[in-house]
Protein backbone atom coordinates (compact mmCIF):
# COMPACT_ATOMS: atom_id res chain seq x y z
CA MET A 1 -9.30 28.48 -7.34
CA ARG A 2 -12.31 26.87 -9.02
CA LYS A 3 -10.13 25.63 -11.89
CA THR A 4 -7.63 24.10 -9.46
CA MET A 5 -10.42 22.35 -7.55
CA LEU A 6 -11.85 20.90 -10.78
CA ARG A 7 -8.41 19.58 -11.69
CA TRP A 8 -8.07 17.83 -8.33
CA VAL A 9 -11.55 16.33 -8.68
CA ALA A 10 -10.76 15.08 -12.19
CA LEU A 11 -7.44 13.61 -11.02
CA LEU A 12 -9.14 11.83 -8.11
CA ALA A 13 -11.93 10.45 -10.31
CA ALA A 14 -9.54 9.16 -12.98
CA THR A 15 -7.30 7.62 -10.31
CA ILE A 16 -10.21 5.76 -8.74
CA VAL A 17 -11.31 4.35 -12.11
CA VAL A 18 -7.82 3.14 -13.06
CA TRP A 19 -7.23 1.88 -9.52
CA ALA A 20 -10.41 -0.22 -9.67
CA ALA A 21 -9.43 -1.63 -13.06
CA LEU A 22 -5.93 -2.60 -11.90
CA ALA A 23 -7.28 -4.08 -8.66
CA ALA A 24 -9.74 -6.19 -10.68
CA LEU A 25 -6.78 -7.56 -12.62
CA GLY A 26 -5.13 -8.53 -9.34
CA LEU A 27 -2.21 -6.10 -9.69
CA SER A 28 -0.20 -5.58 -6.50
CA ALA A 29 -0.05 -1.98 -5.18
CA ALA A 30 -2.83 -0.99 -7.58
CA ALA A 31 -3.44 2.33 -5.81
CA LEU A 32 0.15 3.39 -6.19
CA PHE A 33 0.48 2.38 -9.84
CA ALA A 34 -2.84 3.98 -10.75
CA SER A 35 -2.06 7.30 -9.08
CA LEU A 36 1.40 7.46 -10.65
CA VAL A 37 0.22 6.70 -14.19
CA VAL A 38 -2.85 8.96 -14.05
CA ALA A 39 -0.96 11.89 -12.50
CA ALA A 40 1.84 11.55 -15.05
CA GLY A 41 -0.69 11.57 -17.87
CA PHE A 42 -2.42 14.65 -16.49
CA ALA A 43 0.90 16.44 -15.96
CA VAL A 44 2.22 15.77 -19.48
CA ARG A 45 -1.05 16.97 -21.01
CA GLY A 46 -1.03 20.07 -18.80
CA ILE A 47 -4.43 19.40 -17.22
CA GLY A 48 -3.35 18.33 -13.75
CA PRO A 49 -2.69 20.27 -10.53
CA SER A 50 0.77 21.75 -10.19
CA ARG A 51 1.92 19.59 -7.27
CA VAL A 52 0.88 17.80 -4.09
CA PRO A 53 0.97 20.18 -1.08
CA LYS A 54 4.03 19.54 1.09
CA PRO A 55 2.03 18.72 4.28
CA ALA A 56 0.12 16.04 2.35
CA GLY A 57 3.35 14.55 1.08
CA MET A 58 4.82 14.49 4.59
CA LEU A 59 1.65 12.85 5.91
CA ALA A 60 1.95 10.11 3.28
CA GLN A 61 5.59 9.52 4.23
CA GLY A 62 4.65 9.33 7.90
CA ILE A 63 1.82 6.85 7.37
CA LEU A 64 4.04 4.57 5.32
CA ALA A 65 6.91 4.82 7.82
CA VAL A 66 4.66 3.99 10.79
CA SER A 67 3.14 0.99 8.99
CA ILE A 68 6.66 -0.38 8.42
CA GLY A 69 7.85 0.44 11.93
CA LEU A 70 4.94 -1.44 13.50
CA MET A 71 6.07 -4.56 11.63
CA VAL A 72 9.30 -4.71 13.65
CA ASP A 73 8.02 -6.56 16.69
CA THR A 74 9.88 -8.82 19.11
CA GLU A 75 8.38 -11.96 17.57
CA THR A 76 9.73 -11.04 14.14
CA LEU A 77 13.20 -10.23 15.44
CA SER A 78 13.36 -13.33 17.63
CA ALA A 79 12.70 -15.45 14.54
CA LEU A 80 16.24 -14.65 13.43
CA GLY A 81 17.59 -16.39 16.54
CA SER A 82 21.25 -17.38 16.18
CA SER A 83 21.07 -16.54 12.47
CA TRP A 84 20.95 -12.78 13.06
CA LEU A 85 24.57 -12.16 12.05
CA PRO A 86 24.38 -13.91 8.63
CA ALA A 87 20.99 -12.24 8.05
CA LEU A 88 22.42 -8.79 8.77
CA GLY A 89 25.41 -9.58 6.57
CA VAL A 90 23.12 -10.50 3.67
CA CYS A 91 21.09 -7.31 4.19
CA ALA A 92 24.26 -5.21 4.12
CA ALA A 93 25.50 -7.04 1.02
CA THR A 94 22.16 -6.35 -0.68
CA LEU A 95 22.59 -2.65 0.03
CA VAL A 96 26.10 -2.73 -1.49
CA VAL A 97 24.86 -4.58 -4.58
CA SER A 98 21.99 -2.11 -4.98
CA VAL A 99 24.21 0.95 -4.71
CA ALA A 100 26.72 -0.58 -7.15
CA ALA A 101 23.91 -1.17 -9.63
CA GLY A 102 22.80 2.42 -9.08
CA LEU A 103 26.28 3.67 -9.96
CA LEU A 104 26.14 1.64 -13.16
CA LEU A 105 22.73 3.13 -13.92
CA ALA A 106 24.22 6.59 -13.44
CA VAL A 107 26.58 5.91 -16.34
CA HIS A 108 23.56 6.74 -18.53
CA ARG A 109 23.55 10.41 -19.45
CA ASP A 110 19.94 10.89 -18.26
CA VAL A 111 20.63 9.70 -14.69
CA ASP A 112 22.71 11.42 -12.02
CA THR A 113 24.56 9.44 -9.35
CA LEU A 114 22.15 10.09 -6.48
CA THR A 115 19.09 9.27 -8.58
CA GLY A 116 20.74 6.08 -9.83
CA ALA A 117 21.49 4.88 -6.31
CA LEU A 118 17.98 5.64 -5.02
CA SER A 119 16.44 3.99 -8.10
CA MET A 120 18.20 0.66 -7.55
CA ILE A 121 18.03 0.28 -3.75
CA ALA A 122 16.28 -3.04 -3.20
CA GLY A 123 13.48 -2.40 -0.74
CA GLY A 124 11.04 0.25 0.38
CA ALA A 125 10.04 1.48 -3.08
CA GLN A 126 7.20 3.67 -1.82
CA GLY A 127 9.28 5.17 0.97
CA LEU A 128 12.22 5.89 -1.33
CA VAL A 129 10.02 7.61 -3.89
CA ALA A 130 8.43 9.65 -1.14
CA VAL A 131 11.74 11.08 0.10
CA THR A 132 13.65 11.36 -3.19
CA ARG A 133 12.76 15.00 -3.88
CA GLU A 134 13.77 15.97 -0.35
CA LEU A 135 17.11 14.21 -0.79
CA GLY A 136 17.81 15.98 -4.09
CA GLY A 137 17.13 13.18 -6.58
CA ASP A 138 14.78 12.90 -9.56
CA GLU A 139 11.64 11.35 -8.09
CA ARG A 140 10.16 10.67 -11.53
CA MET A 141 13.04 8.42 -12.55
CA VAL A 142 13.18 6.79 -9.12
CA ALA A 143 9.44 6.09 -9.16
CA VAL A 144 9.43 4.41 -12.57
CA ILE A 145 12.51 2.27 -11.94
CA GLN A 146 11.52 1.29 -8.39
CA TYR A 147 8.03 0.24 -9.48
CA LEU A 148 9.53 -1.55 -12.47
CA ARG A 149 11.70 -3.51 -10.03
CA VAL A 150 8.72 -4.39 -7.84
CA GLY A 151 6.67 -5.42 -10.87
CA LEU A 152 9.40 -7.66 -12.28
CA ILE A 153 9.97 -9.30 -8.90
CA ILE A 154 6.26 -9.94 -8.36
CA VAL A 155 5.92 -11.49 -11.83
CA THR A 156 9.06 -13.62 -11.82
CA MET A 157 9.44 -14.60 -8.14
CA PRO A 158 6.64 -17.21 -7.97
CA LEU A 159 7.89 -18.76 -11.23
CA VAL A 160 11.51 -18.94 -10.04
CA ALA A 161 10.43 -20.28 -6.63
CA THR A 162 8.45 -23.07 -8.31
CA VAL A 163 10.70 -24.02 -11.23
CA VAL A 164 14.14 -23.50 -9.69
CA PHE A 165 13.56 -24.12 -5.98
CA GLY A 166 10.62 -26.51 -6.14
CA ALA A 167 8.10 -24.47 -4.16
CA GLY A 168 4.90 -26.42 -3.64
CA SER A 169 1.62 -25.66 -1.91
CA GLY A 170 0.03 -26.64 1.35
CA GLY A 171 1.22 -23.98 3.75
CA VAL A 172 -1.07 -21.80 5.76
CA ALA A 173 -0.73 -18.05 6.01
CA GLN A 174 -0.02 -16.79 9.49
CA ALA A 175 -2.16 -13.99 10.83
CA ARG A 176 -1.23 -11.58 13.54
CA SER A 177 -2.95 -12.36 16.78
CA GLY A 178 -4.98 -9.82 18.62
CA GLU A 179 -7.16 -6.99 17.47
CA SER A 180 -7.07 -3.40 18.57
CA GLN A 181 -9.81 -0.83 18.46
CA TRP A 182 -9.73 1.34 15.34
CA TYR A 183 -9.54 4.65 17.20
CA LEU A 184 -6.46 3.45 19.12
CA ASP A 185 -4.78 2.57 15.82
CA PHE A 186 -5.44 6.08 14.50
CA LEU A 187 -4.19 7.69 17.72
CA VAL A 188 -0.97 5.68 17.66
CA VAL A 189 -0.31 6.48 14.01
CA ALA A 190 -1.00 10.19 14.57
CA GLY A 191 1.17 10.24 17.69
CA CYS A 192 4.09 8.47 16.00
CA ILE A 193 3.93 10.85 13.04
CA GLY A 194 3.70 14.00 15.16
CA VAL A 195 6.33 13.03 17.71
CA GLY A 196 8.57 11.47 15.09
CA ILE A 197 8.64 14.46 12.75
CA GLY A 198 9.13 16.87 15.65
CA ALA A 199 12.00 14.87 17.12
CA ALA A 200 13.64 14.30 13.72
CA ARG A 201 13.57 18.03 12.99
CA LEU A 202 15.10 18.84 16.37
CA MET A 203 17.84 16.29 15.66
CA ARG A 204 18.19 17.60 12.09
CA LEU A 205 17.82 14.15 10.58
CA PRO A 206 17.52 13.80 6.80
CA ALA A 207 14.00 12.95 5.55
CA PRO A 208 12.38 13.72 8.95
CA ALA A 209 8.88 12.71 7.79
CA THR A 210 10.18 9.17 7.20
CA LEU A 211 12.98 8.53 9.69
CA GLY A 212 11.23 10.16 12.66
CA PRO A 213 7.92 8.23 12.49
CA LEU A 214 9.80 5.06 11.56
CA ALA A 215 12.01 5.23 14.65
CA VAL A 216 9.18 6.19 17.02
CA SER A 217 6.83 3.46 15.74
CA MET A 218 9.59 0.85 16.01
CA ALA A 219 10.26 1.91 19.60
CA PHE A 220 6.54 1.77 20.39
CA GLU A 221 6.18 -1.70 18.90
CA LEU A 222 9.28 -3.11 20.59
CA SER A 223 8.14 -1.69 23.94
CA GLY A 224 5.32 -4.25 23.91
CA TRP A 225 2.81 -1.74 25.28
CA ASN A 226 0.08 -2.87 22.88
CA ALA A 227 1.08 -5.60 20.43
CA SER A 228 -2.27 -5.52 18.61
CA VAL A 229 -1.88 -1.98 17.26
CA SER A 230 -1.35 -1.66 13.51
CA ALA A 231 -1.72 1.03 10.87
CA PRO A 232 -5.41 1.20 9.82
CA THR A 233 -5.82 -0.44 6.42
CA VAL A 234 -7.71 2.59 5.08
CA LEU A 235 -4.66 4.83 5.53
CA LEU A 236 -2.14 2.95 3.38
CA PRO A 237 -4.04 3.35 0.06
CA ILE A 238 -4.38 7.07 0.81
CA ALA A 239 -0.63 7.30 1.39
CA PHE A 240 0.08 5.35 -1.80
CA VAL A 241 -2.16 7.65 -3.85
CA LEU A 242 -0.49 10.79 -2.46
CA ILE A 243 2.97 9.37 -3.13
CA GLY A 244 1.99 8.35 -6.66
CA TRP A 245 0.51 11.79 -7.35
CA GLN A 246 3.59 13.51 -5.94
CA ALA A 247 5.87 11.70 -8.39
CA GLY A 248 3.43 11.67 -11.32
CA LEU A 249 2.65 15.39 -11.30
CA ALA A 250 6.35 16.17 -11.71
CA PHE A 251 6.50 14.51 -15.15
CA THR A 252 7.06 16.47 -18.34
CA GLU A 253 7.39 15.39 -21.97
CA ASP A 254 11.18 15.60 -21.68
CA SER A 255 11.24 13.46 -18.54
CA VAL A 256 9.02 10.84 -20.21
CA ARG A 257 11.47 10.60 -23.10
CA ALA A 258 14.38 10.36 -20.65
CA VAL A 259 12.72 7.48 -18.81
CA GLY A 260 12.15 5.73 -22.13
CA ARG A 261 15.84 5.97 -22.97
CA VAL A 262 16.87 4.61 -19.57
CA PHE A 263 14.27 1.80 -19.51
CA PRO A 264 16.25 -1.02 -21.25
CA TRP A 265 19.39 -0.30 -19.20
CA ALA A 266 17.33 -0.30 -15.99
CA VAL A 267 15.68 -3.64 -16.80
CA GLY A 268 19.05 -5.28 -17.32
CA LEU A 269 20.39 -3.97 -14.01
CA ILE A 270 17.24 -5.03 -12.14
CA VAL A 271 17.66 -8.57 -13.46
CA LEU A 272 21.34 -8.50 -12.43
CA VAL A 273 20.44 -7.38 -8.90
CA GLY A 274 17.82 -10.15 -8.70
CA VAL A 275 20.38 -12.79 -9.68
CA LEU A 276 22.97 -11.51 -7.21
CA CYS A 277 20.37 -11.43 -4.41
CA ALA A 278 19.44 -15.04 -5.24
CA LEU A 279 23.12 -15.97 -4.84
CA LEU A 280 23.11 -14.19 -1.47
CA GLY A 281 20.11 -16.36 -0.60
CA LEU A 282 22.18 -19.44 -1.33
CA LEU A 283 24.89 -18.14 1.01
CA LEU A 284 22.29 -17.47 3.70
CA SER A 285 20.98 -21.02 3.31
CA TYR A 286 24.49 -22.43 3.67
CA ALA A 287 25.28 -20.26 6.71
CA THR A 288 22.04 -20.84 8.63
CA GLY A 289 20.83 -24.27 7.54
CA ILE A 290 17.52 -23.04 6.12
CA SER A 291 16.29 -24.45 2.82
CA LEU A 292 17.38 -23.02 -0.52
CA LEU A 293 13.80 -21.87 -1.13
CA GLU A 294 13.69 -19.99 2.19
CA GLY A 295 17.06 -18.41 1.47
CA TYR A 296 15.82 -17.24 -1.93
CA LEU A 297 12.55 -15.86 -0.56
CA ALA A 298 14.31 -14.10 2.33
CA THR A 299 16.67 -12.24 -0.01
CA THR A 300 14.31 -11.47 -2.91
CA PRO A 301 14.81 -7.74 -3.60
CA GLY A 302 11.25 -6.50 -3.24
CA GLY A 303 7.60 -7.48 -3.39
CA LEU A 304 7.20 -8.19 0.34
CA SER A 305 3.52 -9.12 0.19
CA ALA A 306 4.08 -11.49 -2.74
CA VAL A 307 7.10 -13.03 -1.00
CA LEU A 308 5.10 -13.74 2.15
CA ALA A 309 2.22 -15.15 0.13
CA VAL A 310 4.52 -17.60 -1.70
CA SER A 311 6.25 -18.47 1.59
CA ALA A 312 2.94 -19.28 3.25
CA SER A 313 1.55 -21.26 0.33
CA SER A 314 4.73 -23.32 -0.09
CA GLY A 315 5.08 -24.26 3.58
CA ALA A 316 8.29 -22.26 4.04
CA ASN A 317 9.27 -20.64 7.33
CA VAL A 318 7.20 -17.49 6.91
CA THR A 319 8.38 -15.92 10.17
CA PHE A 320 12.06 -16.19 9.27
CA VAL A 321 11.49 -14.95 5.72
CA ALA A 322 9.46 -12.02 7.03
CA ALA A 323 12.11 -11.17 9.64
CA VAL A 324 14.91 -10.94 7.07
CA GLN A 325 12.75 -8.99 4.63
CA VAL A 326 11.57 -6.50 7.27
CA VAL A 327 15.07 -5.98 8.70
CA ARG A 328 16.40 -5.34 5.18
CA LEU A 329 13.54 -2.94 4.48
CA VAL A 330 14.29 -0.92 7.62
CA ILE A 331 18.02 -0.87 6.86
CA MET A 332 17.35 0.42 3.35
CA LEU A 333 15.01 3.17 4.53
CA PHE A 334 17.46 4.34 7.19
CA ALA A 335 20.55 4.03 4.98
CA ALA A 336 19.16 5.90 1.98
CA PRO A 337 18.65 9.34 3.63
CA PHE A 338 21.93 9.25 5.55
CA GLY A 339 23.81 7.96 2.52
CA ALA A 340 22.26 10.65 0.33
CA LYS A 341 23.15 13.35 2.84
CA ALA A 342 26.75 12.13 3.00
CA PHE A 343 26.95 11.99 -0.80
CA VAL A 344 25.61 15.53 -1.19
CA ALA A 345 28.08 16.79 1.42
CA LEU A 346 31.02 15.11 -0.33
CA ARG A 347 29.88 16.42 -3.72
CA SER A 348 29.56 19.95 -2.36
CA ARG A 349 33.01 19.73 -0.79
CA ALA A 350 34.48 18.50 -4.09
CA GLU A 351 32.77 21.31 -6.00
CA ARG A 352 34.11 23.93 -3.56
CA ARG A 353 37.62 22.47 -3.87
CA SER A 354 37.34 22.55 -7.66
CA GLU A 355 36.18 26.16 -7.56
CA ARG A 356 39.10 27.13 -5.32
CA GLU A 357 41.55 25.39 -7.63
CA GLN A 358 40.04 27.14 -10.63
CA VAL A 359 40.30 30.53 -8.90
CA SER A 360 43.94 29.77 -8.08
CA VAL A 361 44.67 28.87 -11.69
CA ASP A 362 42.96 32.04 -12.93
CA ARG A 363 45.02 34.13 -10.52
CA ARG A 364 48.26 32.52 -11.71
CA VAL A 365 47.28 33.09 -15.31
CA ARG A 366 46.44 36.73 -14.64
CA HIS A 367 49.67 37.17 -12.69
CA GLY A 368 51.66 35.65 -15.55
CA ILE A 369 50.05 37.96 -18.09
CA SER A 370 50.70 40.97 -15.86
CA SER A 371 54.38 40.01 -15.48
CA ALA A 372 54.73 39.62 -19.24
CA ASP A 373 53.26 43.10 -19.74
CA ASP A 374 55.81 44.52 -17.31
CA ILE A 375 58.66 42.93 -19.28
CA ASP A 376 57.37 44.32 -22.54
């Protein structure tokens, strides 16, 4: 017990140090990256805790899901206006492109089909990593590739927006109006998590710690009961650290080598997805009349905070860009668990059919041998 406690203390201390260093460098999602890297290092060296307790992992999923659900307010959705159909079409096309890229990734011998699909889904990196183990995928591979995607998008998106689409400066970031009391924020988050997980379990939904709180928080926000409620800022870093630890502590030396072998192939596919999403942005611009820059920003596959920052600083329509990004994010988080469940069911059915066919063949072979013995 004492040894386990010392390992947790050491992991927390190292995570805080690396987190502070990455934050000082201005790295986005520093808490998540720091916890993942530190936990992976501890796990490979055999000096870390065995795993994150399941209740803590579910709490992290719930906090993240509620924070996303509370972003889906009536103002954001109304920003789509008459453009809602093209926006939904682009979101659906992004999902198709992501899954197709995931299938290509699964061609690599170190990646199975489900892990490949979850690794390449464009949006909700933290949420996808959080539910991967529950869905039956390799959360280590998903974590590295998802965070690689986010990192590449954050680095390249401002450059592409400036050089290719002529993004300038002069916009003003839009802040959410209204402030709620901190204890009300905590009560809402706790209520959405508790009610959401309970309801999702009763309904037997996949990934109940994500889909349940996400649905309940969306319903709460769209009800308009208290538009100023938001997830307390202190909770998100805690959720990110738990999610990073959960994935990092599962690493082994073999898994590190596997990730290294997949890395170049993953980078190429991430770039391909980025290019295809940019083309979808051009289609969205043509269909809705928004600028090419706004179409590109609205369809960028990840890095929501960086996308909104560039939108605000360049004078783009931040509300529209945010609406498309948030709708896509919600679609991805809902589609991934249901898609994974359907895939697992189909795979199990195919395996059972194959087993039955093999049994039938074996019986025929045995029957043929028996008949031949009778003739002899």
